[in-house]
Protein backbone atom coordinates (compact mmCIF):
# COMPACT_ATOMS: atom_id res chain seq x y z
CA MET A 1 80.77 34.29 18.63
CA LYS A 2 79.45 31.57 20.90
CA ALA A 3 76.75 33.86 22.19
CA LEU A 4 75.79 34.74 18.60
CA ARG A 5 75.49 31.08 17.64
CA GLU A 6 73.29 30.40 20.68
CA LYS A 7 71.10 33.36 19.72
CA ASN A 8 70.74 32.11 16.13
CA ARG A 9 69.95 28.57 17.32
CA ALA A 10 67.23 29.89 19.66
CA ALA A 11 65.74 31.95 16.82
CA GLN A 12 65.68 28.89 14.54
CA LEU A 13 64.02 26.77 17.26
CA ALA A 14 61.35 29.42 17.82
CA GLN A 15 60.70 29.60 14.07
CA MET A 16 60.30 25.80 13.91
CA GLN A 17 57.83 25.84 16.82
CA ARG A 18 55.79 28.59 15.15
CA SER A 19 55.74 26.59 11.89
CA GLN A 20 54.57 23.42 13.67
CA GLN A 21 51.84 25.33 15.50
CA ALA A 22 50.64 26.84 12.21
CA GLN A 23 50.49 23.39 10.60
CA GLN A 24 48.52 21.98 13.54
CA THR A 25 46.04 24.87 13.42
CA GLN A 26 45.55 24.44 9.67
CA ALA A 27 44.94 20.68 10.07
CA ALA A 28 42.40 21.28 12.83
CA GLU A 29 40.48 23.68 10.58
CA GLN A 30 40.21 21.14 7.74
CA PRO A 31 36.81 19.34 7.59
CA GLN A 32 37.15 15.82 8.97
CA PRO A 33 35.75 12.88 6.99
CA GLU A 34 32.64 11.18 8.37
CA PRO A 35 33.40 7.91 10.17
CA ALA A 36 32.55 4.86 8.09
CA ALA A 37 29.33 3.07 9.02
CA SER A 38 29.71 -0.31 10.63
CA ALA A 39 28.53 -3.41 8.82
CA GLU A 40 25.55 -3.58 11.19
CA GLN A 41 24.63 0.04 10.47
CA ALA A 42 24.94 -0.45 6.73
CA ALA A 43 22.79 -3.59 6.80
CA ALA A 44 20.11 -2.23 9.13
CA PRO A 45 16.86 -1.14 7.41
CA GLN A 46 16.15 2.58 7.56
CA THR A 47 13.02 3.23 9.59
CA PRO A 48 10.93 6.16 8.33
CA ALA A 49 10.13 8.79 10.95
CA LYS A 50 6.51 8.82 9.81
CA ARG A 51 3.98 7.06 12.05
CA PHE A 52 0.78 5.68 10.56
CA LYS A 53 -2.70 5.78 12.05
CA TYR A 54 -4.18 2.29 12.31
CA VAL A 55 -7.97 2.47 12.15
CA VAL A 56 -10.21 -0.47 13.06
CA GLU A 57 -13.86 -0.17 12.09
CA HIS A 58 -15.26 -2.02 15.09
CA LEU A 59 -18.01 -4.41 14.00
CA GLU A 60 -18.76 -6.02 17.38
CA GLU A 61 -21.26 -4.77 19.94
CA GLU A 62 -18.80 -4.77 22.84
CA ILE A 63 -15.05 -4.82 23.48
CA GLU A 64 -14.22 -7.70 25.79
CA GLY A 65 -12.28 -10.94 26.05
CA TRP A 66 -10.53 -11.80 22.80
CA SER A 67 -11.15 -8.42 21.17
CA GLU A 68 -9.80 -6.46 24.13
CA LEU A 69 -6.61 -8.55 24.15
CA GLU A 70 -6.10 -7.88 20.43
CA TYR A 71 -6.73 -4.14 20.76
CA ARG A 72 -4.39 -3.92 23.73
CA ASN A 73 -1.66 -5.66 21.72
CA MET A 74 -2.16 -3.27 18.79
CA LEU A 75 -1.97 -0.23 21.07
CA ALA A 76 1.22 -1.47 22.75
CA ASN A 77 2.90 -1.79 19.36
CA VAL A 78 1.67 1.22 17.37
CA GLY A 79 1.73 3.65 20.30
CA HIS A 80 -0.72 6.01 21.99
CA GLY A 81 -2.77 8.11 19.60
CA ASN A 82 -2.02 5.84 16.63
CA LEU A 83 -4.76 3.24 17.18
CA TRP A 84 -8.20 4.53 16.21
CA LEU A 85 -11.34 2.53 16.95
CA SER A 86 -14.24 3.77 14.83
CA HIS A 87 -17.94 2.95 14.74
CA VAL A 88 -18.03 1.62 18.31
CA SER A 89 -21.30 1.44 20.25
CA GLU A 90 -22.48 4.28 22.45
CA SER A 91 -21.84 2.20 25.57
CA VAL A 92 -18.24 1.49 24.57
CA ALA A 93 -17.63 5.14 23.67
CA ARG A 94 -18.93 6.25 27.09
CA ASN A 95 -16.93 3.66 29.01
CA PRO A 96 -14.05 2.16 27.00
CA PRO A 97 -11.86 -0.47 28.71
CA ALA A 98 -9.21 1.08 30.93
CA SER A 99 -6.58 -1.07 29.20
CA LEU A 100 -7.18 0.89 25.99
CA ALA A 101 -6.34 4.32 27.40
CA GLY A 102 -4.41 5.99 24.60
CA ALA A 103 -6.60 4.67 21.78
CA VAL A 104 -8.86 7.12 19.94
CA VAL A 105 -12.47 5.91 20.21
CA SER A 106 -15.46 7.18 18.23
CA THR A 107 -19.02 6.12 17.41
CA ASN A 108 -18.58 7.51 13.89
CA SER A 109 -17.01 5.86 10.87
CA ILE A 110 -13.77 7.31 9.56
CA GLN A 111 -15.34 8.97 6.51
CA THR A 112 -17.12 11.42 8.85
CA TRP A 113 -14.11 12.31 10.99
CA GLU A 114 -13.03 15.92 10.68
CA GLY A 115 -9.54 16.49 9.34
CA VAL A 116 -9.13 13.07 7.69
CA ASP A 117 -8.14 13.24 4.02
CA LEU A 118 -9.94 10.20 2.62
CA SER A 119 -7.57 10.07 -0.35
CA ARG A 120 -4.83 9.24 2.18
CA VAL A 121 -6.75 6.26 3.63
CA LEU A 122 -5.75 2.75 2.57
CA LEU A 123 -8.10 -0.19 3.15
CA ALA A 124 -6.67 -3.59 4.05
CA ASP A 125 -8.83 -5.80 1.85
CA PRO A 126 -8.37 -9.56 1.26
CA ALA A 127 -10.01 -9.10 -2.17
CA ALA A 128 -7.52 -6.43 -3.32
CA THR A 129 -5.36 -7.18 -6.35
CA GLN A 130 -2.21 -5.44 -5.05
CA PRO A 131 -0.21 -6.41 -1.95
CA LEU A 132 0.73 -3.87 0.70
CA SER A 133 4.29 -2.65 0.06
CA PRO A 134 6.80 -0.31 1.73
CA GLU A 135 6.28 2.16 -1.15
CA ASP A 136 2.71 2.74 0.07
CA ALA A 137 4.11 4.57 3.10
CA GLY A 138 4.70 7.69 1.01
CA ASN A 139 1.17 7.85 -0.38
CA TYR A 140 -1.05 7.19 2.65
CA ASP A 141 -1.38 8.23 6.28
CA TYR A 142 -4.07 5.85 7.52
CA ILE A 143 -4.68 2.13 7.06
CA LEU A 144 -8.18 0.85 7.74
CA PHE A 145 -9.24 -2.60 8.93
CA GLY A 146 -12.75 -4.02 9.15
CA GLY A 147 -13.87 -6.00 12.18
CA ILE A 148 -11.96 -7.33 15.13
CA LEU A 149 -12.23 -11.11 15.02
CA GLY A 150 -11.03 -13.25 12.17
CA ASP A 151 -13.62 -15.77 10.98
CA ASP A 152 -13.09 -19.29 9.74
CA PRO A 153 -14.13 -19.46 7.01
CA PRO A 154 -13.80 -15.71 6.31
CA ARG A 155 -17.12 -13.85 6.07
CA ASP A 156 -15.77 -10.92 4.01
CA ARG A 157 -16.66 -8.38 6.66
CA THR A 158 -14.55 -5.81 4.78
CA LYS A 159 -17.29 -5.50 2.14
CA GLU A 160 -19.01 -2.87 4.31
CA LEU A 161 -15.93 -0.65 3.87
CA ARG A 162 -15.10 -1.59 0.28
CA VAL A 163 -18.10 0.34 -1.06
CA MET A 164 -16.63 3.59 0.31
CA GLY A 165 -14.10 3.71 -2.55
CA PHE A 166 -10.83 3.59 -0.62
CA ALA A 167 -7.63 2.40 -2.29
CA THR A 168 -7.07 -1.22 -1.29
CA ARG A 169 -4.17 -3.58 -0.57
CA HIS A 170 -4.09 -7.20 0.58
CA LEU A 171 -1.80 -8.82 3.16
CA GLY A 172 -1.56 -12.22 1.50
CA LYS A 173 -3.88 -15.14 0.91
CA GLU A 174 -4.07 -16.45 4.48
CA GLN A 175 -6.64 -15.10 6.93
CA MET A 176 -5.09 -13.14 9.84
CA THR A 177 -6.47 -12.01 13.15
CA THR A 178 -6.90 -8.25 13.11
CA ASP A 179 -4.05 -7.58 15.53
CA THR A 180 -1.71 -9.67 13.35
CA ALA A 181 -2.86 -7.69 10.30
CA VAL A 182 -2.07 -4.44 12.12
CA LEU A 183 1.37 -5.64 13.24
CA VAL A 184 2.22 -6.92 9.75
CA SER A 185 1.12 -3.60 8.23
CA GLN A 186 3.30 -1.72 10.69
CA ILE A 187 6.34 -3.85 9.78
CA VAL A 188 5.76 -3.15 6.08
CA LEU A 189 4.89 0.56 6.28
CA GLU A 190 7.11 1.78 9.12
CA LYS A 191 10.05 -0.62 8.94
CA GLY A 192 10.14 -1.06 5.17
CA VAL A 193 10.04 -4.88 5.19
CA PRO A 194 8.17 -6.46 2.23
CA LEU A 195 5.31 -8.84 3.00
CA ASP A 196 7.13 -11.86 1.61
CA GLN A 197 10.14 -11.28 3.87
CA ILE A 198 8.16 -11.57 7.10
CA ASP A 199 8.32 -14.99 8.79
CA TYR A 200 4.86 -16.47 9.38
CA VAL A 201 3.30 -19.56 10.94
CA ASP A 202 -0.06 -20.73 9.57
CA ARG A 203 -2.78 -22.51 11.54
CA PRO A 204 -0.60 -23.24 14.58
CA GLU A 205 -1.59 -25.90 17.09
CA ILE A 206 -1.67 -24.46 20.62
CA LYS A 207 -1.30 -26.69 23.65
CA LEU A 208 -3.90 -25.89 26.31
CA GLY A 209 -3.35 -28.74 28.75
CA ARG A 210 -1.81 -32.16 29.12
CA ARG A 211 -4.01 -33.60 26.38
CA GLU A 212 -5.92 -30.62 24.98
CA THR A 213 -4.81 -28.60 21.99
CA VAL A 214 -6.52 -26.16 19.67
CA ILE A 215 -5.65 -25.28 16.08
CA MET A 216 -5.85 -21.54 15.49
CA PRO A 217 -7.17 -21.16 11.92
CA PHE A 218 -5.20 -18.01 11.15
CA ARG A 219 -1.78 -16.74 10.06
CA TYR A 220 0.52 -15.30 12.73
CA ILE A 221 3.98 -13.77 12.83
CA ARG A 222 6.50 -16.46 13.75
CA LEU A 223 8.66 -15.85 16.82
CA PRO A 224 12.35 -16.92 16.87
CA ASP A 225 11.39 -20.09 18.78
CA GLY A 226 8.89 -21.03 16.06
CA GLN A 227 5.82 -20.19 18.12
CA PRO A 228 3.08 -17.82 16.88
CA ARG A 229 3.12 -14.25 18.13
CA LEU A 230 -0.07 -14.19 20.18
CA PRO A 231 -1.32 -11.16 22.11
CA PRO A 232 -0.17 -11.16 25.74
CA GLY A 233 -2.81 -12.97 27.79
CA MET A 234 -4.31 -14.82 24.80
CA LEU A 235 -2.97 -18.24 25.80
CA GLU A 236 -4.48 -17.88 29.27
CA HIS A 237 -7.76 -16.73 27.70
CA LEU A 238 -7.82 -19.82 25.47
CA LYS A 239 -7.10 -22.09 28.40
CA ARG A 240 -9.94 -20.55 30.45
CA SER A 241 -12.31 -20.93 27.52
CA ASN A 242 -11.22 -24.57 27.14
CA ASP A 243 -11.80 -25.25 30.84
CA LEU A 244 -15.31 -23.79 30.63
CA SER A 245 -16.14 -25.92 27.61
CA LEU A 246 -14.91 -29.05 29.38
CA ASN A 247 -16.99 -28.27 32.43
């Protein structure tokens, strides 16, 4: 009898083990719920995978000094192949600055470039009635800027492009340097941040020496420390220019 009870107990134990194993297998086969997003993930803006082409219709004879610093800053931010410099001089096209390797350079204006759908080109125009918005990212592939240097007062250099019939958007009432306009456009179009949610500093006063300062008559993106976001090397360039003027 004892042997029979031991046999029955062993059979029951084996049955329980098989039942537990079956339950574990069934649970493993059930689809698992997705982990909840963290607060940081939920709050973070969704960055579109699409990359824009930023086209500057170059209206200067050469690329040097201030303009080269601005172009270099644009290229560093938008990435190789995404900065296009159109309508440059023959000399610049033959021998572009080495610092701009990765930019697309052409003597022709964008409306003659093969493969460009002009209906997908958006012109950054201070005279436009509509502001640039994140929604524009789905309707355009290129954003076009006229000139390289901001002027004070503005000379409306965009008028040479306005007659081509592109759709237009403005970046606000304040005049920007062209590299700031490109960076602001990238924040709006690629990061989905509205124009009025970007932190700016207008007409900042830049210290050049112990007693010398210069007021930059443009709008810049404001850095966390309150300073304007200048192109790398621009402060040194301004200081050199100030020293030459003093001498």
